[in-house]
């Protein structure tokens, strides 16, 4: 079974972070309770893409002149984040948009 859900929160109170969102601990806790085996938990998104998403959001706010100014100012940083993302290929559970969880039922 493949299970995925959005998740947008920073971790706190690890490893007891299973009752307020779809964190990896939530999947571990409930898979165990349901008698399922977790084959893999893969974070979706990364730290650099998370920052880039917020910068693009800044560009889209406000009137056209403000968006153009913000775009000119943030473009070098967006390019830098793109290069970092490609170079390091980080997928951190501390800053992701959700998880792809692969589950199986024991036989």
Protein backbone atom coordinates (compact mmCIF):
# COMPACT_ATOMS: atom_id res chain seq x y z
CA UNK A 1 0.00 0.00 0.00
CA UNK A 2 1.24 3.48 -0.80
CA UNK A 3 0.00 6.19 1.55
CA UNK A 4 0.69 9.90 1.27
CA UNK A 5 -0.70 13.04 2.90
CA UNK A 6 0.39 16.68 3.11
CA UNK A 7 2.51 17.71 6.06
CA UNK A 8 3.73 21.22 6.76
CA UNK A 9 5.09 21.53 10.28
CA UNK A 10 8.45 21.56 11.95
CA UNK A 11 9.14 18.68 14.29
CA UNK A 12 8.92 19.11 18.05
CA UNK A 13 8.78 16.70 20.98
CA UNK A 14 10.43 13.94 18.95
CA UNK A 15 9.75 10.94 18.89
CA UNK A 16 6.33 11.61 20.42
CA UNK A 17 5.18 13.76 17.51
CA UNK A 18 2.44 11.43 16.30
CA UNK A 19 -0.80 13.05 17.35
CA UNK A 20 -0.73 16.44 15.61
CA UNK A 21 -0.12 15.89 11.93
CA UNK A 22 1.10 13.36 9.44
CA UNK A 23 4.72 13.21 10.59
CA UNK A 24 6.88 10.11 10.13
CA UNK A 25 6.16 9.32 13.79
CA UNK A 26 2.43 9.40 13.08
CA UNK A 27 2.87 6.78 10.36
CA UNK A 28 5.14 4.64 12.56
CA UNK A 29 2.76 4.82 15.51
CA UNK A 30 -0.41 4.00 13.58
CA UNK A 31 1.16 1.39 11.30
CA UNK A 32 2.26 -0.51 14.41
CA UNK A 33 -1.22 -0.17 15.93
CA UNK A 34 -2.81 -1.50 12.71
CA UNK A 35 -0.37 -4.38 12.35
CA UNK A 36 1.27 -3.04 9.18
CA UNK A 37 4.95 -3.10 8.29
CA UNK A 38 6.57 0.07 6.97
CA UNK A 39 8.72 -0.78 3.97
CA UNK A 40 9.90 2.82 3.43
CA UNK A 41 9.12 6.39 4.44
CA UNK A 42 10.37 8.98 1.94
CA UNK A 43 10.13 12.72 2.60
CA UNK A 44 8.62 14.73 -0.23
CA UNK A 45 10.28 18.10 -0.76
CA UNK A 46 13.41 19.60 0.74
CA UNK A 47 14.75 22.51 2.72
CA UNK A 48 15.95 24.42 -0.33
CA UNK A 49 12.73 23.93 -2.30
CA UNK A 50 10.80 24.99 0.80
CA UNK A 51 12.68 28.30 0.95
CA UNK A 52 12.29 28.79 -2.82
CA UNK A 53 8.53 28.25 -2.53
CA UNK A 54 8.27 31.00 0.07
CA UNK A 55 10.35 33.39 -2.06
CA UNK A 56 8.07 32.80 -5.03
CA UNK A 57 5.11 33.51 -2.77
CA UNK A 58 6.66 36.91 -1.92
CA UNK A 59 6.96 37.70 -5.63
CA UNK A 60 3.25 37.04 -6.17
CA UNK A 61 2.07 39.37 -3.39
CA UNK A 62 1.19 42.98 -4.10
CA UNK A 63 0.82 45.13 -7.18
CA UNK A 64 2.75 44.54 -10.40
CA UNK A 65 5.56 47.01 -9.67
CA UNK A 66 6.15 45.38 -6.29
CA UNK A 67 6.19 41.90 -7.85
CA UNK A 68 8.73 43.02 -10.47
CA UNK A 69 11.01 44.53 -7.82
CA UNK A 70 10.74 41.44 -5.63
CA UNK A 71 11.42 39.21 -8.63
CA UNK A 72 14.57 41.13 -9.56
CA UNK A 73 15.83 41.03 -5.98
CA UNK A 74 15.05 37.38 -5.33
CA UNK A 75 16.06 35.89 -8.69
CA UNK A 76 19.76 35.48 -7.74
CA UNK A 77 18.75 33.74 -4.50
CA UNK A 78 16.30 31.46 -6.33
CA UNK A 79 19.06 30.53 -8.78
CA UNK A 80 21.43 29.86 -5.86
CA UNK A 81 18.81 27.65 -4.15
CA UNK A 82 18.25 25.74 -7.39
CA UNK A 83 21.97 25.02 -7.69
CA UNK A 84 22.20 23.97 -4.03
CA UNK A 85 19.20 21.67 -4.44
CA UNK A 86 20.74 19.98 -7.48
CA UNK A 87 24.19 19.79 -5.90
CA UNK A 88 23.24 18.40 -2.47
CA UNK A 89 19.96 16.60 -3.27
CA UNK A 90 18.72 17.08 0.29
CA UNK A 91 15.47 15.48 1.41
CA UNK A 92 15.19 16.21 5.08
CA UNK A 93 12.30 15.11 7.27
CA UNK A 94 12.63 18.34 9.25
CA UNK A 95 11.46 20.40 6.30
CA UNK A 96 9.30 18.56 3.83
CA UNK A 97 5.82 18.79 2.36
CA UNK A 98 4.72 15.29 3.20
CA UNK A 99 5.77 11.67 2.99
CA UNK A 100 5.36 8.73 0.67
CA UNK A 101 4.87 5.73 2.94
CA UNK A 102 5.09 2.19 1.64
CA UNK A 103 3.27 -0.30 3.85
CA UNK A 104 2.71 -4.01 3.70
CA UNK A 105 0.69 -6.50 5.65
CA UNK A 106 2.75 -9.27 7.27
CA UNK A 107 2.01 -12.77 6.01
